[in-house]
Structures are given as C-alpha cells and as structure tokens.
Amino acid sequence: MNLFSDIYNCYYQVMKNILNRPGALSEKDMRSIAEQEGFEESPLFIMPKIISGEWDFFIHKDDVYISKLQDGFMQPLSHLQKCYISALLLDEKICLFFNEEELLRLKEIFSGFSPLWLPDDFYYYDCFSDKDDFSSPAYIHIFQTILSSIKSRQCISFVYKGKNSTNRHDVLPCRLEYSIKNGRFRLIAVPVSSNIRIETYNLCNICEISPLFQYTGQMPDINKAIIKSYYKEPVRLIIKNRRNALERTMLQFANYEKNTVKIDDDTYECCIYYSKNVETELLIEVLSFGPLIQVTGNSEFLKQLKMRLQKQAQLM
C-alpha cells in the first residue's frame, strides 16, 4: 500500500473496516463497505487492488474473501507514523484542537521523531491572503467552544459581525468545515427558532460566544438540508487520468457531494453537487486543473466559467 495516498487517509480506515468484518465477504460486500466508509468512488481505487492481490490481505476462495488477519489484531504506531504525527504538530491549526498542556505533552512524546515535512516545504497557490488568525486566543476560544458544543449537542449564542450589521444569533452548531482557498473555518448551524433552515457563519466574524443551557436529543439531518440547497443540475467533469489527475481531483473535491464513474481505461466522469454559496470557490478549483478537466455541464456553471476565462484573457 502506498504510504500516504492509502494508509494516512480514509482508504486506510476503509480497509480496516473490511478486514475487521467477521466471516467471509463477497466482492459485493466489500464494495458496499468501501462506499459506506469512504466515498462513492472509493471502490474504483480499492477493489482492483484487492482483486489483483496487490493488497495481499485476503484468501480468495469460492468467490469470497477471507481476511488473513487474526481476531483482535492491533497495529502499533510505526516509526514513520510517529514522524507523520510530529509533522502534524507543526501545523498552525493544531492549537485549535488541544489545550496548551495537551500540546506540550504531545510535543514532548514525539520530540525524538523528525517531522516528515516542514510547513515551509509547501507553497499554496490560488488562495486568499487574509486567512483566519488561528493562533489568536479569542479565535481558539471560539473554535473550541463550538467544537465542544457540537459534541455535546448544546446550543450557543454569539454576536456576528456581518457586512452591514452586527447581530446576536442563538443556534445549534452542527458542523465545522475548512476552506483551503479562503484559509478559514466556517460553522454550519441551525437557528434555535428553526429546525429546518441552515446558516453558515465565518468564525473570524464571531465574537462574544457562550453556551446556552439548551440541548438537543437528536441532531438535525444537515446533509439532507444541504442537499436541498443544491442546484438541480450538478457540475459534470470529464477527467483524463494523466499526471495523476484522478487522484488529485478526488482529493481536491473531497468535501463535495459527488458521483464518479469510469468511462474507459483512463477517462472518468465526475458529477459534483453544489449550492450557490460555494459556486465561486468550486469554479476556481476546477480552473486550477487546466486542460486535465473538461466541463460538460451544467449550463449555468459553464456560463460562469466562460465569463471568468474571458476576463483572464482580457487581462493578459
């Protein structure tokens, strides 16, 4: 298995779930697990590796697959994994997930392992320069208050500074998401006064946050509400798998609802479902792939794409 494209992302978790299932599994069973635990397109990558025996974890017998691993198998952290964690501890966003004491303890534990990379080893392009200040004590407090409230299903109250006004909002926080392009975290929440409408807030505009003495027994179905906000027609992309384009696009668009099918040996069609508020961001991401991606629909997205390309041509 490749060290980073498979072990250190969801494919590793998918394989772990497949291997830990009791008894023999059919190819259909494994495809179903891969879709549930990963993405809809995950079987496109995982199943050929299993069937060909490249990932030699199974005994293939009578059209079923039996795990070679014994019950109770546990995998300790390898030296390489410890170096990987050491690199993560250098990420500027790591302080959002731990308090100072926890961070000091983690850094002490992994101090003897050289990071696999340093932050300066990467150059991020097509990104906005005014990203969130992750090291700000006020920002850390806001992030951790929201994260704790999501876990406990507790409502929160905060003051939000919009473009034209400043208002107080009482909401049930449901999800935190990160925009690579903007370098910002966003909160997806449901107003206390409404259990169906979803709102999105930039964390950098939130202040005076505090938990409310109000809890919910069951979180609203945010995924269903988000799907309702999608355009009727998805963006349709034709991907030529050259220069590792397929893996790069799946990674780039991992945060979108999508469906990917194989057309021929090196061509795939990917349908991405999106709403109006992320259209510009998706447009920039698609353009960043250049000729490796062909956009075939929808008409509104194609219109926006042509307008942006015309503006770029005029500037040149």
C-alpha atoms as a PDB file:
ATOM      1  CA  MET A   1       0.000   0.000   0.000  1.00  0.00           C
ATOM      2  CA  ASN A   2       1.262   3.480  -0.780  1.00  0.00           C
ATOM      3  CA  LEU A   3       2.285   5.304   2.377  1.00  0.00           C
ATOM      4  CA  PHE A   4       0.208   8.441   2.092  1.00  0.00           C
ATOM      5  CA  SER A   5      -2.448   8.046  -0.594  1.00  0.00           C
ATOM      6  CA  ASP A   6      -3.835   4.968   1.166  1.00  0.00           C
ATOM      7  CA  ILE A   7      -2.572   4.499   4.715  1.00  0.00           C
ATOM      8  CA  TYR A   8      -2.975   8.026   6.011  1.00  0.00           C
ATOM      9  CA  ASN A   9      -6.418   8.890   4.654  1.00  0.00           C
ATOM     10  CA  CYS A  10      -9.847   7.271   4.554  1.00  0.00           C
ATOM     11  CA  TYR A  11      -8.675   4.293   2.450  1.00  0.00           C
ATOM     12  CA  TYR A  12      -6.777   3.028   5.477  1.00  0.00           C
ATOM     13  CA  GLN A  13      -9.974   3.234   7.538  1.00  0.00           C
ATOM     14  CA  VAL A  14     -11.949   1.539   4.765  1.00  0.00           C
ATOM     15  CA  MET A  15      -9.505  -1.377   4.641  1.00  0.00           C
ATOM     16  CA  LYS A  16      -9.530  -1.605   8.436  1.00  0.00           C
ATOM     17  CA  ASN A  17     -13.334  -1.947   8.405  1.00  0.00           C
ATOM     18  CA  ILE A  18     -13.240  -4.572   5.653  1.00  0.00           C
ATOM     19  CA  LEU A  19     -10.551  -6.618   7.405  1.00  0.00           C
ATOM     20  CA  ASN A  20     -12.329  -6.467  10.772  1.00  0.00           C
ATOM     21  CA  ARG A  21     -15.657  -7.762   9.438  1.00  0.00           C
ATOM     22  CA  PRO A  22     -16.258 -11.319  10.711  1.00  0.00           C
ATOM     23  CA  GLY A  23     -16.524 -14.212   8.295  1.00  0.00           C
ATOM     24  CA  ALA A  24     -16.099 -14.355   4.537  1.00  0.00           C
ATOM     25  CA  LEU A  25     -17.014 -11.376   2.350  1.00  0.00           C
ATOM     26  CA  SER A  26     -18.110 -11.301  -1.258  1.00  0.00           C
ATOM     27  CA  GLU A  27     -16.848  -8.726  -3.715  1.00  0.00           C
ATOM     28  CA  LYS A  28     -20.261  -7.029  -3.461  1.00  0.00           C
ATOM     29  CA  ASP A  29     -19.935  -6.880   0.356  1.00  0.00           C
ATOM     30  CA  MET A  30     -16.549  -5.188   0.128  1.00  0.00           C
ATOM     31  CA  ARG A  31     -17.773  -2.676  -2.447  1.00  0.00           C
ATOM     32  CA  SER A  32     -20.647  -1.769  -0.145  1.00  0.00           C
ATOM     33  CA  ILE A  33     -18.314  -1.266   2.836  1.00  0.00           C
ATOM     34  CA  ALA A  34     -15.945   0.860   0.732  1.00  0.00           C
ATOM     35  CA  GLU A  35     -18.834   3.132  -0.327  1.00  0.00           C
ATOM     36  CA  GLN A  36     -20.215   3.444   3.211  1.00  0.00           C
ATOM     37  CA  GLU A  37     -16.897   4.067   4.965  1.00  0.00           C
ATOM     38  CA  GLY A  38     -15.283   6.108   2.188  1.00  0.00           C
ATOM     39  CA  PHE A  39     -16.667   7.898  -0.847  1.00  0.00           C
ATOM     40  CA  GLU A  40     -18.850   6.704  -3.695  1.00  0.00           C
ATOM     41  CA  GLU A  41     -15.804   6.473  -5.933  1.00  0.00           C
ATOM     42  CA  SER A  42     -13.653   4.632  -3.338  1.00  0.00           C
ATOM     43  CA  PRO A  43     -14.322   1.165  -4.852  1.00  0.00           C
ATOM     44  CA  LEU A  44     -12.758   2.424  -8.093  1.00  0.00           C
ATOM     45  CA  PHE A  45      -9.389   2.565  -6.301  1.00  0.00           C
ATOM     46  CA  ILE A  46      -9.710  -0.122  -3.638  1.00  0.00           C
ATOM     47  CA  MET A  47     -11.347  -3.106  -5.331  1.00  0.00           C
ATOM     48  CA  PRO A  48      -8.799  -3.576  -8.179  1.00  0.00           C
ATOM     49  CA  LYS A  49      -6.001  -3.672  -5.562  1.00  0.00           C
ATOM     50  CA  ILE A  50      -7.813  -6.370  -3.564  1.00  0.00           C
ATOM     51  CA  ILE A  51      -8.936  -8.462  -6.538  1.00  0.00           C
ATOM     52  CA  SER A  52      -5.483  -8.440  -8.188  1.00  0.00           C
ATOM     53  CA  GLY A  53      -3.812  -9.430  -4.909  1.00  0.00           C
ATOM     54  CA  GLU A  54      -1.626  -6.303  -4.840  1.00  0.00           C
ATOM     55  CA  TRP A  55      -3.015  -5.684  -1.343  1.00  0.00           C
ATOM     56  CA  ASP A  56      -2.377  -9.204  -0.120  1.00  0.00           C
ATOM     57  CA  PHE A  57      -4.609  -9.291   2.959  1.00  0.00           C
ATOM     58  CA  PHE A  58      -7.169 -11.897   1.869  1.00  0.00           C
ATOM     59  CA  ILE A  59      -7.521 -15.558   0.972  1.00  0.00           C
ATOM     60  CA  HIS A  60      -9.678 -15.816  -2.168  1.00  0.00           C
ATOM     61  CA  LYS A  61     -11.747 -18.990  -2.166  1.00  0.00           C
ATOM     62  CA  ASP A  62     -15.082 -19.932  -3.799  1.00  0.00           C
ATOM     63  CA  ASP A  63     -15.902 -16.340  -4.835  1.00  0.00           C
ATOM     64  CA  VAL A  64     -15.437 -14.995  -1.296  1.00  0.00           C
ATOM     65  CA  TYR A  65     -12.575 -13.267   0.501  1.00  0.00           C
ATOM     66  CA  ILE A  66     -11.338 -14.228   3.981  1.00  0.00           C
ATOM     67  CA  SER A  67      -9.105 -11.892   5.984  1.00  0.00           C
ATOM     68  CA  LYS A  68      -5.617 -13.198   6.733  1.00  0.00           C
ATOM     69  CA  LEU A  69      -5.506 -11.173   9.951  1.00  0.00           C
ATOM     70  CA  GLN A  70      -6.379 -12.841  13.237  1.00  0.00           C
ATOM     71  CA  ASP A  71      -9.116 -11.598  15.579  1.00  0.00           C
ATOM     72  CA  GLY A  72      -8.036  -8.801  17.880  1.00  0.00           C
ATOM     73  CA  PHE A  73      -5.300  -7.616  15.549  1.00  0.00           C
ATOM     74  CA  MET A  74      -3.886  -4.265  16.644  1.00  0.00           C
ATOM     75  CA  GLN A  75      -1.404  -2.136  14.774  1.00  0.00           C
ATOM     76  CA  PRO A  76       1.058  -0.134  16.912  1.00  0.00           C
ATOM     77  CA  LEU A  77       2.370   3.167  15.619  1.00  0.00           C
ATOM     78  CA  SER A  78       5.352   2.696  13.354  1.00  0.00           C
ATOM     79  CA  HIS A  79       8.381   4.980  13.336  1.00  0.00           C
ATOM     80  CA  LEU A  80       7.108   6.516  10.100  1.00  0.00           C
ATOM     81  CA  GLN A  81       3.685   7.199  11.618  1.00  0.00           C
ATOM     82  CA  LYS A  82       5.288   8.903  14.599  1.00  0.00           C
ATOM     83  CA  CYS A  83       7.250  11.123  12.207  1.00  0.00           C
ATOM     84  CA  TYR A  84       3.973  11.884  10.457  1.00  0.00           C
ATOM     85  CA  ILE A  85       2.319  12.931  13.747  1.00  0.00           C
ATOM     86  CA  SER A  86       5.381  15.045  14.533  1.00  0.00           C
ATOM     87  CA  ALA A  87       4.778  16.899  11.255  1.00  0.00           C
ATOM     88  CA  LEU A  88       1.086  17.422  12.090  1.00  0.00           C
ATOM     89  CA  LEU A  89       2.056  19.014  15.401  1.00  0.00           C
ATOM     90  CA  LEU A  90       3.786  21.783  13.415  1.00  0.00           C
ATOM     91  CA  ASP A  91       0.561  22.732  11.603  1.00  0.00           C
ATOM     92  CA  GLU A  92      -0.629  26.163  12.678  1.00  0.00           C
ATOM     93  CA  LYS A  93      -4.196  24.844  13.124  1.00  0.00           C
ATOM     94  CA  ILE A  94      -3.224  22.125  15.619  1.00  0.00           C
ATOM     95  CA  CYS A  95      -3.619  24.547  18.548  1.00  0.00           C
ATOM     96  CA  LEU A  96      -7.371  24.655  17.853  1.00  0.00           C
ATOM     97  CA  PHE A  97      -7.855  21.015  18.853  1.00  0.00           C
ATOM     98  CA  PHE A  98      -5.799  20.819  22.063  1.00  0.00           C
ATOM     99  CA  ASN A  99      -5.150  22.998  25.108  1.00  0.00           C
ATOM    100  CA  GLU A 100      -1.634  24.205  25.897  1.00  0.00           C
ATOM    101  CA  GLU A 101      -0.926  21.409  28.374  1.00  0.00           C
ATOM    102  CA  GLU A 102      -2.018  18.706  25.925  1.00  0.00           C
ATOM    103  CA  LEU A 103       0.061  20.209  23.124  1.00  0.00           C
ATOM    104  CA  LEU A 104       3.171  20.391  25.300  1.00  0.00           C
ATOM    105  CA  ARG A 105       2.688  16.749  26.289  1.00  0.00           C
ATOM    106  CA  LEU A 106       2.235  15.605  22.678  1.00  0.00           C
ATOM    107  CA  LYS A 107       5.283  17.555  21.500  1.00  0.00           C
ATOM    108  CA  GLU A 108       7.301  16.022  24.319  1.00  0.00           C
ATOM    109  CA  ILE A 109       6.207  12.478  23.370  1.00  0.00           C
ATOM    110  CA  PHE A 110       7.077  12.938  19.682  1.00  0.00           C
ATOM    111  CA  SER A 111      10.117  15.202  20.152  1.00  0.00           C
ATOM    112  CA  GLY A 112      12.514  12.398  19.205  1.00  0.00           C
ATOM    113  CA  PHE A 113      10.956  11.901  15.774  1.00  0.00           C
ATOM    114  CA  SER A 114      11.901  14.100  12.829  1.00  0.00           C
ATOM    115  CA  PRO A 115       8.869  15.596  11.018  1.00  0.00           C
ATOM    116  CA  LEU A 116       8.299  14.122   7.572  1.00  0.00           C
ATOM    117  CA  TRP A 117       7.870  17.662   6.279  1.00  0.00           C
ATOM    118  CA  LEU A 118       8.003  21.249   7.471  1.00  0.00           C
ATOM    119  CA  PRO A 119       5.307  23.879   6.874  1.00  0.00           C
ATOM    120  CA  ASP A 120       7.688  25.835   4.626  1.00  0.00           C
ATOM    121  CA  ASP A 121       8.029  22.839   2.309  1.00  0.00           C
ATOM    122  CA  PHE A 122       4.640  23.669   0.772  1.00  0.00           C
ATOM    123  CA  TYR A 123       3.536  26.539  -1.406  1.00  0.00           C
ATOM    124  CA  TYR A 124      -0.220  27.112  -1.652  1.00  0.00           C
ATOM    125  CA  TYR A 125      -1.462  28.857  -4.778  1.00  0.00           C
ATOM    126  CA  ASP A 126      -4.875  30.264  -5.724  1.00  0.00           C
ATOM    127  CA  CYS A 127      -5.547  31.087  -2.075  1.00  0.00           C
ATOM    128  CA  PHE A 128      -6.722  34.272  -0.384  1.00  0.00           C
ATOM    129  CA  SER A 129      -4.140  36.098   1.736  1.00  0.00           C
ATOM    130  CA  ASP A 130      -6.500  37.216   4.543  1.00  0.00           C
ATOM    131  CA  LYS A 131      -6.862  33.834   6.234  1.00  0.00           C
ATOM    132  CA  ASP A 132      -8.030  33.334   9.822  1.00  0.00           C
ATOM    133  CA  ASP A 133      -5.653  34.032  12.708  1.00  0.00           C
ATOM    134  CA  PHE A 134      -5.548  30.515  14.172  1.00  0.00           C
ATOM    135  CA  SER A 135      -3.139  31.490  16.961  1.00  0.00           C
ATOM    136  CA  SER A 136      -5.389  34.214  18.382  1.00  0.00           C
ATOM    137  CA  PRO A 137      -6.555  33.296  21.930  1.00  0.00           C
ATOM    138  CA  ALA A 138     -10.010  34.706  21.116  1.00  0.00           C
ATOM    139  CA  TYR A 139     -10.239  32.604  17.930  1.00  0.00           C
ATOM    140  CA  ILE A 140      -9.088  29.458  19.753  1.00  0.00           C
ATOM    141  CA  HIS A 141     -11.737  30.053  22.441  1.00  0.00           C
ATOM    142  CA  ILE A 142     -14.463  30.445  19.796  1.00  0.00           C
ATOM    143  CA  PHE A 143     -13.366  27.320  17.899  1.00  0.00           C
ATOM    144  CA  GLN A 144     -13.119  25.128  20.995  1.00  0.00           C
ATOM    145  CA  THR A 145     -16.454  26.384  22.372  1.00  0.00           C
ATOM    146  CA  ILE A 146     -18.147  25.458  19.093  1.00  0.00           C
ATOM    147  CA  LEU A 147     -16.381  22.087  18.868  1.00  0.00           C
ATOM    148  CA  SER A 148     -17.344  21.197  22.440  1.00  0.00           C
ATOM    149  CA  SER A 149     -20.955  22.265  21.825  1.00  0.00           C
ATOM    150  CA  ILE A 150     -21.186  20.126  18.683  1.00  0.00           C
ATOM    151  CA  LYS A 151     -20.027  17.076  20.640  1.00  0.00           C
ATOM    152  CA  SER A 152     -22.465  17.717  23.497  1.00  0.00           C
ATOM    153  CA  ARG A 153     -25.316  18.882  21.208  1.00  0.00           C
ATOM    154  CA  GLN A 154     -25.532  22.133  23.128  1.00  0.00           C
ATOM    155  CA  CYS A 155     -26.879  25.394  21.710  1.00  0.00           C
ATOM    156  CA  ILE A 156     -24.690  28.512  21.688  1.00  0.00           C
ATOM    157  CA  SER A 157     -25.168  32.254  21.497  1.00  0.00           C
ATOM    158  CA  PHE A 158     -22.787  34.654  19.762  1.00  0.00           C
ATOM    159  CA  VAL A 159     -22.500  38.097  18.218  1.00  0.00           C
ATOM    160  CA  TYR A 160     -21.843  38.025  14.473  1.00  0.00           C
ATOM    161  CA  LYS A 161     -20.328  40.923  12.543  1.00  0.00           C
ATOM    162  CA  GLY A 162     -21.825  40.941   9.042  1.00  0.00           C
ATOM    163  CA  LYS A 163     -21.074  43.264   6.153  1.00  0.00           C
ATOM    164  CA  ASN A 164     -23.714  45.811   7.065  1.00  0.00           C
ATOM    165  CA  SER A 165     -24.805  44.932  10.600  1.00  0.00           C
ATOM    166  CA  THR A 166     -23.915  43.193  13.854  1.00  0.00           C
ATOM    167  CA  ASN A 167     -26.451  40.784  15.349  1.00  0.00           C
ATOM    168  CA  ARG A 168     -26.750  38.177  18.058  1.00  0.00           C
ATOM    169  CA  HIS A 169     -27.578  34.619  16.996  1.00  0.00           C
ATOM    170  CA  ASP A 170     -28.783  31.665  19.067  1.00  0.00           C
ATOM    171  CA  VAL A 171     -28.036  28.459  17.154  1.00  0.00           C
ATOM    172  CA  LEU A 172     -27.453  24.745  17.410  1.00  0.00           C
ATOM    173  CA  PRO A 173     -23.935  24.180  15.969  1.00  0.00           C
ATOM    174  CA  CYS A 174     -23.860  21.140  13.691  1.00  0.00           C
ATOM    175  CA  ARG A 175     -20.597  21.104  11.751  1.00  0.00           C
ATOM    176  CA  LEU A 176     -17.273  22.873  11.279  1.00  0.00           C
ATOM    177  CA  GLU A 177     -15.777  22.970   7.786  1.00  0.00           C
ATOM    178  CA  TYR A 178     -12.498  24.353   6.475  1.00  0.00           C
ATOM    179  CA  SER A 179     -11.952  26.193   3.194  1.00  0.00           C
ATOM    180  CA  ILE A 180      -8.450  25.721   1.787  1.00  0.00           C
ATOM    181  CA  LYS A 181      -8.961  28.559  -0.687  1.00  0.00           C
ATOM    182  CA  ASN A 182     -10.038  31.043   1.983  1.00  0.00           C
ATOM    183  CA  GLY A 183      -7.909  29.674   4.812  1.00  0.00           C
ATOM    184  CA  ARG A 184     -10.995  29.916   7.026  1.00  0.00           C
ATOM    185  CA  PHE A 185     -13.206  27.777   9.206  1.00  0.00           C
ATOM    186  CA  ARG A 186     -16.968  28.040   8.799  1.00  0.00           C
ATOM    187  CA  LEU A 187     -19.749  26.988  11.136  1.00  0.00           C
ATOM    188  CA  ILE A 188     -22.847  25.286   9.765  1.00  0.00           C
ATOM    189  CA  ALA A 189     -25.678  25.714  12.257  1.00  0.00           C
ATOM    190  CA  VAL A 190     -29.443  25.688  12.681  1.00  0.00           C
ATOM    191  CA  PRO A 191     -31.135  28.683  14.355  1.00  0.00           C
ATOM    192  CA  VAL A 192     -32.809  27.792  17.651  1.00  0.00           C
ATOM    193  CA  SER A 193     -36.040  29.266  16.286  1.00  0.00           C
ATOM    194  CA  SER A 194     -35.968  26.952  13.251  1.00  0.00           C
ATOM    195  CA  ASN A 195     -35.153  23.248  12.967  1.00  0.00           C
ATOM    196  CA  ILE A 196     -35.029  23.160   9.178  1.00  0.00           C
ATOM    197  CA  ARG A 197     -33.124  26.261   7.985  1.00  0.00           C
ATOM    198  CA  ILE A 198     -29.332  26.048   7.938  1.00  0.00           C
ATOM    199  CA  GLU A 199     -26.990  29.029   8.208  1.00  0.00           C
ATOM    200  CA  THR A 200     -23.253  29.385   7.534  1.00  0.00           C
ATOM    201  CA  TYR A 201     -21.020  31.668   9.603  1.00  0.00           C
ATOM    202  CA  ASN A 202     -17.317  32.551   9.209  1.00  0.00           C
ATOM    203  CA  LEU A 203     -15.585  32.000  12.536  1.00  0.00           C
ATOM    204  CA  CYS A 204     -13.496  35.142  12.060  1.00  0.00           C
ATOM    205  CA  ASN A 205     -16.709  37.218  12.288  1.00  0.00           C
ATOM    206  CA  ILE A 206     -17.924  35.614  15.523  1.00  0.00           C
ATOM    207  CA  CYS A 207     -17.378  37.224  18.920  1.00  0.00           C
ATOM    208  CA  GLU A 208     -18.838  37.145  22.460  1.00  0.00           C
ATOM    209  CA  ILE A 209     -19.658  33.457  22.272  1.00  0.00           C
ATOM    210  CA  SER A 210     -21.200  31.476  25.137  1.00  0.00           C
ATOM    211  CA  PRO A 211     -23.007  28.129  25.580  1.00  0.00           C
ATOM    212  CA  LEU A 212     -26.738  28.129  26.313  1.00  0.00           C
ATOM    213  CA  PHE A 213     -28.481  25.865  28.823  1.00  0.00           C
ATOM    214  CA  GLN A 214     -30.304  24.210  25.974  1.00  0.00           C
ATOM    215  CA  TYR A 215     -29.522  20.794  24.494  1.00  0.00           C
ATOM    216  CA  THR A 216     -30.958  18.649  21.740  1.00  0.00           C
ATOM    217  CA  GLY A 217     -31.513  14.927  21.890  1.00  0.00           C
ATOM    218  CA  GLN A 218     -31.013  14.397  18.171  1.00  0.00           C
ATOM    219  CA  MET A 219     -29.048  16.473  15.689  1.00  0.00           C
ATOM    220  CA  PRO A 220     -30.966  17.681  12.618  1.00  0.00           C
ATOM    221  CA  ASP A 221     -30.216  15.992   9.303  1.00  0.00           C
ATOM    222  CA  ILE A 222     -27.775  18.604   7.993  1.00  0.00           C
ATOM    223  CA  ASN A 223     -26.834  16.511   4.971  1.00  0.00           C
ATOM    224  CA  LYS A 224     -30.468  16.411   3.863  1.00  0.00           C
ATOM    225  CA  ALA A 225     -30.816  20.177   4.319  1.00  0.00           C
ATOM    226  CA  ILE A 226     -27.603  20.817   2.363  1.00  0.00           C
ATOM    227  CA  ILE A 227     -28.762  18.555  -0.467  1.00  0.00           C
ATOM    228  CA  LYS A 228     -31.985  20.590  -0.702  1.00  0.00           C
ATOM    229  CA  SER A 229     -29.867  23.715  -1.296  1.00  0.00           C
ATOM    230  CA  TYR A 230     -28.061  22.198  -4.305  1.00  0.00           C
ATOM    231  CA  TYR A 231     -28.676  23.272  -7.861  1.00  0.00           C
ATOM    232  CA  LYS A 232     -30.893  20.845  -9.759  1.00  0.00           C
ATOM    233  CA  GLU A 233     -28.035  20.015 -12.137  1.00  0.00           C
ATOM    234  CA  PRO A 234     -24.526  19.103 -10.905  1.00  0.00           C
ATOM    235  CA  VAL A 235     -21.280  20.213 -12.485  1.00  0.00           C
ATOM    236  CA  ARG A 236     -20.210  17.481 -14.904  1.00  0.00           C
ATOM    237  CA  LEU A 237     -16.487  16.947 -15.372  1.00  0.00           C
ATOM    238  CA  ILE A 238     -14.643  14.662 -17.777  1.00  0.00           C
ATOM    239  CA  ILE A 239     -11.304  13.710 -16.210  1.00  0.00           C
ATOM    240  CA  LYS A 240      -8.394  12.315 -18.207  1.00  0.00           C
ATOM    241  CA  ASN A 241      -6.266  10.343 -15.776  1.00  0.00           C
ATOM    242  CA  ARG A 242      -2.943  11.847 -16.790  1.00  0.00           C
ATOM    243  CA  ARG A 243      -0.360  13.225 -14.376  1.00  0.00           C
ATOM    244  CA  ASN A 244      -2.332  11.508 -11.596  1.00  0.00           C
ATOM    245  CA  ALA A 245      -5.327  13.740 -12.380  1.00  0.00           C
ATOM    246  CA  LEU A 246      -7.983  11.403 -10.994  1.00  0.00           C
ATOM    247  CA  GLU A 247      -6.437  11.115  -7.535  1.00  0.00           C
ATOM    248  CA  ARG A 248      -5.719  14.854  -7.450  1.00  0.00           C
ATOM    249  CA  THR A 249      -9.299  15.764  -8.358  1.00  0.00           C
ATOM    250  CA  MET A 250     -10.776  13.324  -5.828  1.00  0.00           C
ATOM    251  CA  LEU A 251      -8.600  14.892  -3.137  1.00  0.00           C
ATOM    252  CA  GLN A 252      -9.401  18.453  -4.230  1.00  0.00           C
ATOM    253  CA  PHE A 253     -13.150  17.851  -4.338  1.00  0.00           C
ATOM    254  CA  ALA A 254     -13.317  15.537  -1.310  1.00  0.00           C
ATOM    255  CA  ASN A 255     -15.563  17.972   0.593  1.00  0.00           C
ATOM    256  CA  TYR A 256     -18.252  17.977  -2.126  1.00  0.00           C
ATOM    257  CA  GLU A 257     -21.099  15.546  -2.706  1.00  0.00           C
ATOM    258  CA  LYS A 258     -20.167  13.765  -5.928  1.00  0.00           C
ATOM    259  CA  ASN A 259     -20.531  10.660  -8.048  1.00  0.00           C
ATOM    260  CA  THR A 260     -17.704   9.318 -10.227  1.00  0.00           C
ATOM    261  CA  VAL A 261     -17.966   6.632 -12.927  1.00  0.00           C
ATOM    262  CA  LYS A 262     -15.330   5.088 -15.194  1.00  0.00           C
ATOM    263  CA  ILE A 263     -15.906   5.642 -18.921  1.00  0.00           C
ATOM    264  CA  ASP A 264     -12.813   3.881 -20.325  1.00  0.00           C
ATOM    265  CA  ASP A 265      -9.290   2.934 -19.262  1.00  0.00           C
ATOM    266  CA  ASP A 266      -8.159   6.494 -18.488  1.00  0.00           C
ATOM    267  CA  THR A 267     -11.361   8.584 -18.603  1.00  0.00           C
ATOM    268  CA  TYR A 268     -13.825   9.271 -15.796  1.00  0.00           C
ATOM    269  CA  GLU A 269     -16.974  11.368 -15.424  1.00  0.00           C
ATOM    270  CA  CYS A 270     -17.436  13.142 -12.111  1.00  0.00           C
ATOM    271  CA  CYS A 271     -20.707  14.865 -11.133  1.00  0.00           C
ATOM    272  CA  ILE A 272     -20.311  17.414  -8.315  1.00  0.00           C
ATOM    273  CA  TYR A 273     -23.369  18.674  -6.439  1.00  0.00           C
ATOM    274  CA  TYR A 274     -23.116  22.176  -5.005  1.00  0.00           C
ATOM    275  CA  SER A 275     -25.052  25.219  -3.852  1.00  0.00           C
ATOM    276  CA  LYS A 276     -24.835  28.888  -4.793  1.00  0.00           C
ATOM    277  CA  ASN A 277     -22.726  29.943  -1.819  1.00  0.00           C
ATOM    278  CA  VAL A 278     -19.760  27.741  -2.895  1.00  0.00           C
ATOM    279  CA  GLU A 279     -20.043  28.302  -6.656  1.00  0.00           C
ATOM    280  CA  THR A 280     -17.144  30.766  -6.932  1.00  0.00           C
ATOM    281  CA  GLU A 281     -14.854  28.583  -4.836  1.00  0.00           C
ATOM    282  CA  LEU A 282     -15.696  25.493  -6.908  1.00  0.00           C
ATOM    283  CA  LEU A 283     -15.133  27.479 -10.105  1.00  0.00           C
ATOM    284  CA  ILE A 284     -11.604  28.450  -9.032  1.00  0.00           C
ATOM    285  CA  GLU A 285     -10.821  24.853  -8.035  1.00  0.00           C
ATOM    286  CA  VAL A 286     -11.975  23.490 -11.397  1.00  0.00           C
ATOM    287  CA  LEU A 287      -9.942  26.083 -13.314  1.00  0.00           C
ATOM    288  CA  SER A 288      -6.800  25.153 -11.374  1.00  0.00           C
ATOM    289  CA  PHE A 289      -6.682  21.780 -13.210  1.00  0.00           C
ATOM    290  CA  GLY A 290      -6.403  23.364 -16.643  1.00  0.00           C
ATOM    291  CA  PRO A 291      -6.751  21.010 -19.655  1.00  0.00           C
ATOM    292  CA  LEU A 292      -6.845  17.856 -17.491  1.00  0.00           C
ATOM    293  CA  ILE A 293     -10.550  18.517 -16.851  1.00  0.00           C
ATOM    294  CA  GLN A 294     -13.301  19.183 -19.385  1.00  0.00           C
ATOM    295  CA  VAL A 295     -16.507  20.786 -18.088  1.00  0.00           C
ATOM    296  CA  THR A 296     -19.585  19.497 -19.942  1.00  0.00           C
ATOM    297  CA  GLY A 297     -22.340  20.918 -17.726  1.00  0.00           C
ATOM    298  CA  ASN A 298     -24.347  22.439 -16.227  1.00  0.00           C
ATOM    299  CA  SER A 299     -25.208  25.450 -18.391  1.00  0.00           C
ATOM    300  CA  GLU A 300     -25.062  27.993 -15.540  1.00  0.00           C
ATOM    301  CA  PHE A 301     -21.632  26.797 -14.382  1.00  0.00           C
ATOM    302  CA  LEU A 302     -20.354  26.781 -17.968  1.00  0.00           C
ATOM    303  CA  LYS A 303     -21.580  30.364 -18.357  1.00  0.00           C
ATOM    304  CA  GLN A 304     -19.687  31.457 -15.214  1.00  0.00           C
ATOM    305  CA  LEU A 305     -16.607  29.546 -16.368  1.00  0.00           C
ATOM    306  CA  LYS A 306     -16.566  31.261 -19.780  1.00  0.00           C
ATOM    307  CA  MET A 307     -17.006  34.696 -18.218  1.00  0.00           C
ATOM    308  CA  ARG A 308     -14.050  34.128 -15.899  1.00  0.00           C
ATOM    309  CA  LEU A 309     -11.852  32.857 -18.728  1.00  0.00           C
ATOM    310  CA  GLN A 310     -12.791  35.869 -20.882  1.00  0.00           C
ATOM    311  CA  LYS A 311     -11.800  38.228 -18.047  1.00  0.00           C
ATOM    312  CA  GLN A 312      -8.468  36.454 -17.690  1.00  0.00           C
ATOM    313  CA  ALA A 313      -7.876  36.707 -21.429  1.00  0.00           C
ATOM    314  CA  GLN A 314      -8.602  40.448 -21.352  1.00  0.00           C
ATOM    315  CA  LEU A 315      -6.116  40.943 -18.502  1.00  0.00           C
ATOM    316  CA  MET A 316      -3.437  39.122 -20.494  1.00  0.00           C
END
